[in-house]
Amino acid sequence: MKAKVFPPFKWDDDERPFADVKIKSDGGNAKVYLDGQKVNGLIGYEIIHDRTKSQVPILNLHVIAELDIETGMMPELPEPWNYCYVLKNQIPSDNDAQS
């Protein structure tokens, strides 16, 4: 099987869809900066670069964080995570509380 070769992307400097990532490593400790801002709560990172799928390396950050998701829809999660959330139709309305 022949490897797929992707042509290089061409973007103007002000249209680049990539974050500016800097990783400073000192032995076993590393600090990651995204667009000049230090990533707090970093417990690890992983860089994946598979030329057969994409020319762009993928950076996965493992971060301890307080998660706040603002969205109009959230899929129902499977166990063991489903106990952390209440479905919207299961939340009592204000009218029910006054009865």
N, C-alpha and C. Protein backbone atom coordinates (compact mmCIF):
# COMPACT_ATOMS: atom_id res chain seq x y z
N MET A 1 0.84 -1.18 0.00
CA MET A 1 0.00 0.00 0.00
C MET A 1 0.88 1.24 0.00
N LYS A 2 0.59 2.15 -0.90
CA LYS A 2 1.38 3.36 -1.03
C LYS A 2 0.86 4.43 -0.09
N ALA A 3 1.75 5.12 0.58
CA ALA A 3 1.36 6.18 1.52
C ALA A 3 0.77 7.36 0.76
N LYS A 4 -0.25 7.96 1.34
CA LYS A 4 -0.89 9.13 0.75
C LYS A 4 -0.05 10.36 1.07
N VAL A 5 0.22 11.18 0.08
CA VAL A 5 1.00 12.39 0.28
C VAL A 5 0.06 13.58 0.09
N PHE A 6 0.01 14.45 1.08
CA PHE A 6 -0.87 15.61 1.03
C PHE A 6 -0.10 16.84 0.57
N PRO A 7 -0.70 17.66 -0.29
CA PRO A 7 -0.02 18.90 -0.70
C PRO A 7 0.04 19.87 0.47
N PRO A 8 1.03 20.75 0.49
CA PRO A 8 1.12 21.71 1.61
C PRO A 8 -0.04 22.69 1.58
N PHE A 9 -0.48 23.09 2.77
CA PHE A 9 -1.54 24.09 2.88
C PHE A 9 -0.96 25.46 2.61
N LYS A 10 -1.77 26.36 2.05
CA LYS A 10 -1.31 27.72 1.78
C LYS A 10 -2.30 28.69 2.43
N TRP A 11 -1.86 29.38 3.49
CA TRP A 11 -2.67 30.36 4.17
C TRP A 11 -1.89 31.66 4.28
N ASP A 12 -2.62 32.76 4.32
CA ASP A 12 -1.98 34.03 4.65
C ASP A 12 -1.65 33.99 6.14
N ASP A 13 -0.66 34.79 6.56
CA ASP A 13 -0.25 34.78 7.96
C ASP A 13 -1.39 35.14 8.91
N ASP A 14 -2.29 36.05 8.51
CA ASP A 14 -3.37 36.44 9.40
C ASP A 14 -4.56 35.48 9.35
N GLU A 15 -4.53 34.48 8.49
CA GLU A 15 -5.62 33.51 8.37
C GLU A 15 -5.25 32.12 8.86
N ARG A 16 -4.10 31.98 9.43
CA ARG A 16 -3.66 30.65 9.87
C ARG A 16 -4.60 30.09 10.92
N PRO A 17 -5.14 28.89 10.70
CA PRO A 17 -6.07 28.32 11.67
C PRO A 17 -5.39 27.57 12.81
N PHE A 18 -4.10 27.80 13.00
CA PHE A 18 -3.37 27.06 14.03
C PHE A 18 -3.09 27.94 15.24
N ALA A 19 -3.01 27.30 16.39
CA ALA A 19 -2.57 28.01 17.60
C ALA A 19 -1.05 28.05 17.60
N ASP A 20 -0.50 29.07 18.21
CA ASP A 20 0.94 29.17 18.40
C ASP A 20 1.26 28.40 19.68
N VAL A 21 1.93 27.27 19.56
CA VAL A 21 2.21 26.40 20.70
C VAL A 21 3.69 26.41 21.00
N LYS A 22 4.03 26.62 22.27
CA LYS A 22 5.42 26.55 22.71
C LYS A 22 5.47 25.59 23.89
N ILE A 23 6.38 24.61 23.83
CA ILE A 23 6.55 23.65 24.92
C ILE A 23 7.96 23.82 25.47
N LYS A 24 8.03 24.16 26.75
CA LYS A 24 9.32 24.29 27.42
C LYS A 24 9.45 23.12 28.39
N SER A 25 10.47 22.31 28.17
CA SER A 25 10.67 21.13 29.00
C SER A 25 11.95 21.25 29.79
N ASP A 26 11.85 20.92 31.06
CA ASP A 26 13.02 20.91 31.95
C ASP A 26 13.03 19.57 32.66
N GLY A 27 13.67 18.59 32.06
CA GLY A 27 13.65 17.24 32.63
C GLY A 27 12.26 16.64 32.47
N GLY A 28 11.67 16.22 33.59
CA GLY A 28 10.34 15.62 33.56
C GLY A 28 9.22 16.63 33.62
N ASN A 29 9.55 17.89 33.83
CA ASN A 29 8.53 18.94 33.92
C ASN A 29 8.45 19.70 32.60
N ALA A 30 7.22 20.02 32.21
CA ALA A 30 7.03 20.78 30.98
C ALA A 30 5.99 21.86 31.21
N LYS A 31 6.17 22.95 30.51
CA LYS A 31 5.19 24.04 30.51
C LYS A 31 4.76 24.23 29.06
N VAL A 32 3.44 24.35 28.86
CA VAL A 32 2.90 24.54 27.52
C VAL A 32 2.25 25.91 27.45
N TYR A 33 2.53 26.63 26.38
CA TYR A 33 1.96 27.95 26.14
C TYR A 33 1.17 27.91 24.84
N LEU A 34 -0.09 28.34 24.90
CA LEU A 34 -0.94 28.45 23.72
C LEU A 34 -1.18 29.91 23.43
N ASP A 35 -0.77 30.35 22.27
CA ASP A 35 -0.89 31.77 21.89
C ASP A 35 -0.35 32.69 22.97
N GLY A 36 0.78 32.29 23.57
CA GLY A 36 1.45 33.11 24.58
C GLY A 36 0.93 32.97 25.99
N GLN A 37 -0.17 32.20 26.20
CA GLN A 37 -0.74 32.02 27.53
C GLN A 37 -0.36 30.65 28.07
N LYS A 38 0.16 30.62 29.31
CA LYS A 38 0.54 29.36 29.94
C LYS A 38 -0.71 28.53 30.23
N VAL A 39 -0.65 27.23 29.94
CA VAL A 39 -1.75 26.31 30.24
C VAL A 39 -1.57 25.83 31.68
N ASN A 40 -2.50 26.21 32.55
CA ASN A 40 -2.45 25.80 33.95
C ASN A 40 -3.09 24.42 34.11
N GLY A 41 -2.67 23.68 35.12
CA GLY A 41 -3.25 22.37 35.41
C GLY A 41 -2.76 21.27 34.50
N LEU A 42 -1.69 21.52 33.77
CA LEU A 42 -1.17 20.52 32.82
C LEU A 42 -0.59 19.34 33.56
N ILE A 43 -1.06 18.13 33.24
CA ILE A 43 -0.50 16.92 33.85
C ILE A 43 0.18 16.04 32.81
N GLY A 44 0.05 16.40 31.52
CA GLY A 44 0.73 15.64 30.48
C GLY A 44 0.31 16.13 29.11
N TYR A 45 1.06 15.72 28.10
CA TYR A 45 0.71 16.04 26.73
C TYR A 45 1.19 14.93 25.82
N GLU A 46 0.62 14.90 24.63
CA GLU A 46 0.95 13.87 23.65
C GLU A 46 0.93 14.52 22.27
N ILE A 47 1.94 14.26 21.49
CA ILE A 47 2.00 14.77 20.12
C ILE A 47 1.88 13.59 19.17
N ILE A 48 0.90 13.67 18.27
CA ILE A 48 0.67 12.60 17.30
C ILE A 48 0.88 13.19 15.91
N HIS A 49 1.72 12.53 15.12
CA HIS A 49 1.95 13.01 13.75
C HIS A 49 2.00 11.80 12.83
N ASP A 50 0.91 11.57 12.14
CA ASP A 50 0.80 10.47 11.20
C ASP A 50 0.68 11.06 9.80
N ARG A 51 1.76 11.08 9.04
CA ARG A 51 1.79 11.70 7.71
C ARG A 51 0.80 11.05 6.75
N THR A 52 0.41 9.80 7.01
CA THR A 52 -0.53 9.15 6.11
C THR A 52 -1.94 9.71 6.28
N LYS A 53 -2.22 10.39 7.40
CA LYS A 53 -3.55 10.96 7.64
C LYS A 53 -3.58 12.47 7.52
N SER A 54 -2.51 13.14 7.94
CA SER A 54 -2.50 14.61 7.91
C SER A 54 -1.06 15.10 7.99
N GLN A 55 -0.82 16.28 7.39
CA GLN A 55 0.50 16.88 7.50
C GLN A 55 0.68 17.58 8.83
N VAL A 56 -0.43 17.88 9.49
CA VAL A 56 -0.40 18.68 10.70
C VAL A 56 -0.31 17.79 11.92
N PRO A 57 0.69 17.99 12.78
CA PRO A 57 0.74 17.22 14.02
C PRO A 57 -0.41 17.63 14.94
N ILE A 58 -0.90 16.68 15.73
CA ILE A 58 -1.99 16.92 16.67
C ILE A 58 -1.41 16.90 18.08
N LEU A 59 -1.75 17.92 18.87
CA LEU A 59 -1.30 18.03 20.25
C LEU A 59 -2.49 17.76 21.16
N ASN A 60 -2.40 16.71 21.97
CA ASN A 60 -3.42 16.42 22.98
C ASN A 60 -2.89 16.84 24.33
N LEU A 61 -3.63 17.71 25.01
CA LEU A 61 -3.24 18.16 26.34
C LEU A 61 -4.07 17.45 27.39
N HIS A 62 -3.42 17.03 28.46
CA HIS A 62 -4.10 16.41 29.60
C HIS A 62 -4.07 17.45 30.71
N VAL A 63 -5.24 18.00 31.00
CA VAL A 63 -5.34 19.14 31.91
C VAL A 63 -6.37 18.87 32.99
N ILE A 64 -6.01 19.18 34.23
CA ILE A 64 -6.99 19.17 35.32
C ILE A 64 -7.69 20.52 35.26
N ALA A 65 -9.02 20.51 35.11
CA ALA A 65 -9.71 21.77 34.88
C ALA A 65 -11.11 21.77 35.49
N GLU A 66 -11.58 22.95 35.80
CA GLU A 66 -13.00 23.13 36.09
C GLU A 66 -13.66 23.32 34.75
N LEU A 67 -14.53 22.40 34.38
CA LEU A 67 -15.09 22.37 33.04
C LEU A 67 -16.42 23.12 33.00
N ASP A 68 -16.53 24.08 32.11
CA ASP A 68 -17.75 24.85 31.92
C ASP A 68 -18.07 24.79 30.43
N ILE A 69 -19.15 24.08 30.09
CA ILE A 69 -19.52 23.92 28.69
C ILE A 69 -20.77 24.74 28.44
N GLU A 70 -20.68 25.70 27.53
CA GLU A 70 -21.83 26.51 27.15
C GLU A 70 -22.28 26.05 25.77
N THR A 71 -23.39 25.32 25.75
CA THR A 71 -23.91 24.81 24.49
C THR A 71 -25.42 24.64 24.60
N GLY A 72 -26.06 24.60 23.48
CA GLY A 72 -27.51 24.41 23.47
C GLY A 72 -27.91 22.96 23.59
N MET A 73 -26.94 22.04 23.41
CA MET A 73 -27.27 20.62 23.43
C MET A 73 -26.08 19.84 23.98
N MET A 74 -26.36 18.84 24.77
CA MET A 74 -25.32 17.96 25.30
C MET A 74 -25.84 16.53 25.18
N PRO A 75 -25.09 15.64 24.57
CA PRO A 75 -25.58 14.27 24.45
C PRO A 75 -25.65 13.60 25.81
N GLU A 76 -26.58 12.66 25.93
CA GLU A 76 -26.70 11.89 27.18
C GLU A 76 -25.46 11.02 27.30
N LEU A 77 -24.81 11.08 28.45
CA LEU A 77 -23.57 10.35 28.66
C LEU A 77 -23.83 8.95 29.21
N PRO A 78 -23.00 7.98 28.83
CA PRO A 78 -23.15 6.62 29.36
C PRO A 78 -22.56 6.51 30.76
N GLU A 79 -22.83 5.38 31.41
CA GLU A 79 -22.20 5.12 32.71
C GLU A 79 -20.70 5.06 32.50
N PRO A 80 -19.87 5.43 33.43
CA PRO A 80 -20.16 5.86 34.80
C PRO A 80 -20.35 7.37 34.92
N TRP A 81 -20.41 8.11 33.80
CA TRP A 81 -20.47 9.57 33.88
C TRP A 81 -21.89 10.11 34.01
N ASN A 82 -22.91 9.30 33.74
CA ASN A 82 -24.27 9.81 33.70
C ASN A 82 -24.78 10.25 35.08
N TYR A 83 -24.20 9.78 36.17
CA TYR A 83 -24.66 10.21 37.50
C TYR A 83 -24.25 11.66 37.79
N CYS A 84 -23.33 12.22 37.02
CA CYS A 84 -22.87 13.59 37.25
C CYS A 84 -23.81 14.63 36.67
N TYR A 85 -24.75 14.22 35.82
CA TYR A 85 -25.59 15.17 35.10
C TYR A 85 -27.07 14.83 35.30
N VAL A 86 -27.91 15.82 35.20
CA VAL A 86 -29.35 15.64 35.27
C VAL A 86 -29.92 16.08 33.93
N LEU A 87 -30.77 15.25 33.33
CA LEU A 87 -31.39 15.63 32.07
C LEU A 87 -32.31 16.81 32.29
N LYS A 88 -32.38 17.69 31.29
CA LYS A 88 -33.15 18.92 31.40
C LYS A 88 -34.61 18.64 31.72
N ASN A 89 -35.19 17.58 31.14
CA ASN A 89 -36.60 17.27 31.40
C ASN A 89 -36.83 16.70 32.80
N GLN A 90 -35.78 16.42 33.55
CA GLN A 90 -35.91 15.92 34.92
C GLN A 90 -35.74 17.02 35.97
N ILE A 91 -35.45 18.24 35.54
CA ILE A 91 -35.29 19.36 36.46
C ILE A 91 -36.68 19.92 36.77
N PRO A 92 -37.05 20.01 38.06
CA PRO A 92 -38.36 20.55 38.38
C PRO A 92 -38.46 22.03 37.97
N SER A 93 -39.62 22.42 37.46
CA SER A 93 -39.81 23.81 37.06
C SER A 93 -40.12 24.67 38.29
N ASP A 94 -40.04 25.98 38.14
CA ASP A 94 -40.35 26.90 39.24
C ASP A 94 -41.79 26.76 39.68
N ASN A 95 -42.70 26.45 38.76
CA ASN A 95 -44.11 26.28 39.10
C ASN A 95 -44.31 25.07 40.01
N ASP A 96 -43.55 23.99 39.80
CA ASP A 96 -43.64 22.81 40.64
C ASP A 96 -43.17 23.10 42.06
N ALA A 97 -42.19 23.97 42.21
CA ALA A 97 -41.64 24.28 43.53
C ALA A 97 -42.62 25.08 44.37
N GLN A 98 -43.50 25.87 43.74
CA GLN A 98 -44.46 26.70 44.48
C GLN A 98 -45.66 25.89 44.93
N SER A 99 -45.90 24.74 44.37
CA SER A 99 -47.09 23.95 44.73
C SER A 99 -46.98 23.33 46.08
